[in-house]
Amino acid sequence: MTSVSRQGFRLLIGSRERFVAFKDFPWFRDASVRAITTVERPSANHLYWPELDIDLAVDSLDHPEKYPLVSKAPQVKERKARVYTSPRRRGGRIPENRVRPGTPRT
């Protein structure tokens, strides 16, 4: 392995470097760097991560679209951060059932 980023990691196989995207192989997303770097190559077209119990064909890294059932892990949608804007700044009014700060409750 040569590097890790938020999108995936780079893996040197022979003289060629391949990018393993977390969107295509989501079970690596929460794995530790140690677990990802502990990879074996039992044959020319076979990779195995013993700490994660993951087997992959090298061809699946080059052409993940050929392996549609690569993972049954749920897809994680990236969420945008939401910024709170008060109702007054949005041009609205504060609902009657909400108490304004400093207002005594009745």
C-alpha atoms as a PDB file:
ATOM      1  CA  MET A   1       0.000   0.000   0.000  1.00  0.00           C
ATOM      2  CA  THR A   2       1.309   3.426  -0.886  1.00  0.00           C
ATOM      3  CA  SER A   3      -1.277   5.878   0.523  1.00  0.00           C
ATOM      4  CA  VAL A   4      -4.685   6.235   2.187  1.00  0.00           C
ATOM      5  CA  SER A   5      -7.225   9.044   1.704  1.00  0.00           C
ATOM      6  CA  ARG A   6     -10.895   9.664   2.477  1.00  0.00           C
ATOM      7  CA  GLN A   7     -11.825   8.225  -0.903  1.00  0.00           C
ATOM      8  CA  GLY A   8      -9.768   5.016  -0.716  1.00  0.00           C
ATOM      9  CA  PHE A   9      -6.220   3.715  -0.806  1.00  0.00           C
ATOM     10  CA  ARG A  10      -3.501   3.015  -3.349  1.00  0.00           C
ATOM     11  CA  LEU A  11      -2.086  -0.471  -3.627  1.00  0.00           C
ATOM     12  CA  LEU A  12       1.102  -1.416  -5.476  1.00  0.00           C
ATOM     13  CA  ILE A  13       0.678  -4.796  -7.181  1.00  0.00           C
ATOM     14  CA  GLY A  14       3.777  -5.805  -9.086  1.00  0.00           C
ATOM     15  CA  SER A  15       4.905  -2.684 -10.916  1.00  0.00           C
ATOM     16  CA  ARG A  16       1.405  -1.189 -11.215  1.00  0.00           C
ATOM     17  CA  GLU A  17      -0.355   0.994  -8.690  1.00  0.00           C
ATOM     18  CA  ARG A  18      -4.123   0.605  -8.323  1.00  0.00           C
ATOM     19  CA  PHE A  19      -6.646   2.744  -6.476  1.00  0.00           C
ATOM     20  CA  VAL A  20      -9.162   0.936  -4.266  1.00  0.00           C
ATOM     21  CA  ALA A  21     -12.143   3.282  -3.850  1.00  0.00           C
ATOM     22  CA  PHE A  22     -14.222   2.980  -0.682  1.00  0.00           C
ATOM     23  CA  LYS A  23     -17.371   3.602  -2.749  1.00  0.00           C
ATOM     24  CA  ASP A  24     -16.641   0.413  -4.719  1.00  0.00           C
ATOM     25  CA  PHE A  25     -15.274  -1.595  -1.776  1.00  0.00           C
ATOM     26  CA  PRO A  26     -17.076  -0.174   1.296  1.00  0.00           C
ATOM     27  CA  TRP A  27     -15.931  -2.810   3.798  1.00  0.00           C
ATOM     28  CA  PHE A  28     -12.464  -1.176   3.803  1.00  0.00           C
ATOM     29  CA  ARG A  29     -13.924   2.212   4.835  1.00  0.00           C
ATOM     30  CA  ASP A  30     -13.920   1.522   8.598  1.00  0.00           C
ATOM     31  CA  ALA A  31     -10.850  -0.743   8.618  1.00  0.00           C
ATOM     32  CA  SER A  32      -7.681   0.341  10.359  1.00  0.00           C
ATOM     33  CA  VAL A  33      -4.622   1.263   8.321  1.00  0.00           C
ATOM     34  CA  ARG A  34      -2.882  -1.748   9.852  1.00  0.00           C
ATOM     35  CA  ALA A  35      -5.640  -4.091   8.649  1.00  0.00           C
ATOM     36  CA  ILE A  36      -5.562  -2.583   5.158  1.00  0.00           C
ATOM     37  CA  THR A  37      -1.779  -2.830   4.901  1.00  0.00           C
ATOM     38  CA  THR A  38      -1.767  -6.476   5.986  1.00  0.00           C
ATOM     39  CA  VAL A  39      -2.424  -7.959   2.564  1.00  0.00           C
ATOM     40  CA  GLU A  40      -1.252 -11.234   1.057  1.00  0.00           C
ATOM     41  CA  ARG A  41      -1.021 -12.280  -2.584  1.00  0.00           C
ATOM     42  CA  PRO A  42      -1.579 -16.057  -2.730  1.00  0.00           C
ATOM     43  CA  SER A  43      -1.540 -16.006  -6.546  1.00  0.00           C
ATOM     44  CA  ALA A  44      -1.074 -13.506  -9.382  1.00  0.00           C
ATOM     45  CA  ASN A  45      -4.782 -12.613  -9.530  1.00  0.00           C
ATOM     46  CA  HIS A  46      -5.739 -13.075  -5.867  1.00  0.00           C
ATOM     47  CA  LEU A  47      -5.409 -10.709  -2.900  1.00  0.00           C
ATOM     48  CA  TYR A  48      -6.285 -11.590   0.690  1.00  0.00           C
ATOM     49  CA  TRP A  49      -6.586  -9.379   3.788  1.00  0.00           C
ATOM     50  CA  PRO A  50      -6.383 -11.852   6.717  1.00  0.00           C
ATOM     51  CA  GLU A  51      -7.343  -9.359   9.443  1.00  0.00           C
ATOM     52  CA  LEU A  52     -10.497  -8.448   7.525  1.00  0.00           C
ATOM     53  CA  ASP A  53     -11.140 -11.866   5.928  1.00  0.00           C
ATOM     54  CA  ILE A  54     -11.495 -10.251   2.496  1.00  0.00           C
ATOM     55  CA  ASP A  55     -10.606 -12.003  -0.765  1.00  0.00           C
ATOM     56  CA  LEU A  56     -10.466 -10.045  -4.010  1.00  0.00           C
ATOM     57  CA  ALA A  57      -9.517 -10.768  -7.569  1.00  0.00           C
ATOM     58  CA  VAL A  58      -7.009  -8.237  -8.879  1.00  0.00           C
ATOM     59  CA  ASP A  59      -9.283  -7.772 -11.905  1.00  0.00           C
ATOM     60  CA  SER A  60     -12.046  -6.481  -9.602  1.00  0.00           C
ATOM     61  CA  LEU A  61      -9.812  -3.516  -8.701  1.00  0.00           C
ATOM     62  CA  ASP A  62      -9.366  -2.620 -12.371  1.00  0.00           C
ATOM     63  CA  HIS A  63     -12.999  -3.241 -13.358  1.00  0.00           C
ATOM     64  CA  PRO A  64     -15.340  -3.042 -10.336  1.00  0.00           C
ATOM     65  CA  GLU A  65     -18.317  -2.673 -12.699  1.00  0.00           C
ATOM     66  CA  LYS A  66     -17.793  -6.298 -13.817  1.00  0.00           C
ATOM     67  CA  TYR A  67     -18.364  -7.430 -10.227  1.00  0.00           C
ATOM     68  CA  PRO A  68     -21.774  -5.950  -9.312  1.00  0.00           C
ATOM     69  CA  LEU A  69     -22.133  -8.134  -6.227  1.00  0.00           C
ATOM     70  CA  VAL A  70     -18.786  -7.048  -4.868  1.00  0.00           C
ATOM     71  CA  SER A  71     -20.249  -6.161  -1.482  1.00  0.00           C
ATOM     72  CA  LYS A  72     -23.466  -6.575   0.422  1.00  0.00           C
ATOM     73  CA  ALA A  73     -22.413  -3.848   2.833  1.00  0.00           C
ATOM     74  CA  PRO A  74     -24.934  -1.003   2.946  1.00  0.00           C
ATOM     75  CA  GLN A  75     -24.033   2.008   0.852  1.00  0.00           C
ATOM     76  CA  VAL A  76     -23.285   5.070   2.955  1.00  0.00           C
ATOM     77  CA  LYS A  77     -24.618   8.327   1.583  1.00  0.00           C
ATOM     78  CA  GLU A  78     -22.453  11.326   2.246  1.00  0.00           C
ATOM     79  CA  ARG A  79     -24.347  14.015   4.100  1.00  0.00           C
ATOM     80  CA  LYS A  80     -23.793  17.714   3.761  1.00  0.00           C
ATOM     81  CA  ALA A  81     -23.431  19.724   6.936  1.00  0.00           C
ATOM     82  CA  ARG A  82     -26.550  21.656   7.785  1.00  0.00           C
ATOM     83  CA  VAL A  83     -26.267  25.179   9.114  1.00  0.00           C
ATOM     84  CA  TYR A  84     -29.012  26.300  11.470  1.00  0.00           C
ATOM     85  CA  THR A  85     -30.699  29.555  10.547  1.00  0.00           C
ATOM     86  CA  SER A  86     -33.172  31.076  12.960  1.00  0.00           C
ATOM     87  CA  PRO A  87     -36.745  31.577  11.727  1.00  0.00           C
ATOM     88  CA  ARG A  88     -36.300  35.357  11.897  1.00  0.00           C
ATOM     89  CA  ARG A  89     -33.292  35.288   9.556  1.00  0.00           C
ATOM     90  CA  ARG A  90     -35.285  33.168   7.110  1.00  0.00           C
ATOM     91  CA  GLY A  91     -38.002  35.824   7.095  1.00  0.00           C
ATOM     92  CA  GLY A  92     -40.380  33.772   9.184  1.00  0.00           C
ATOM     93  CA  ARG A  93     -41.706  34.237  12.657  1.00  0.00           C
ATOM     94  CA  ILE A  94     -41.150  32.256  15.813  1.00  0.00           C
ATOM     95  CA  PRO A  95     -44.026  29.796  16.364  1.00  0.00           C
ATOM     96  CA  GLU A  96     -46.342  30.655  19.235  1.00  0.00           C
ATOM     97  CA  ASN A  97     -45.578  27.428  21.083  1.00  0.00           C
ATOM     98  CA  ARG A  98     -41.894  28.365  21.426  1.00  0.00           C
ATOM     99  CA  VAL A  99     -40.828  30.601  24.288  1.00  0.00           C
ATOM    100  CA  ARG A 100     -38.468  33.452  23.467  1.00  0.00           C
ATOM    101  CA  PRO A 101     -35.385  33.731  25.687  1.00  0.00           C
ATOM    102  CA  GLY A 102     -36.006  36.062  28.626  1.00  0.00           C
ATOM    103  CA  THR A 103     -39.772  35.773  28.343  1.00  0.00           C
ATOM    104  CA  PRO A 104     -41.450  34.529  31.546  1.00  0.00           C
ATOM    105  CA  ARG A 105     -43.533  31.393  31.149  1.00  0.00           C
ATOM    106  CA  THR A 106     -47.211  31.713  31.969  1.00  0.00           C
END
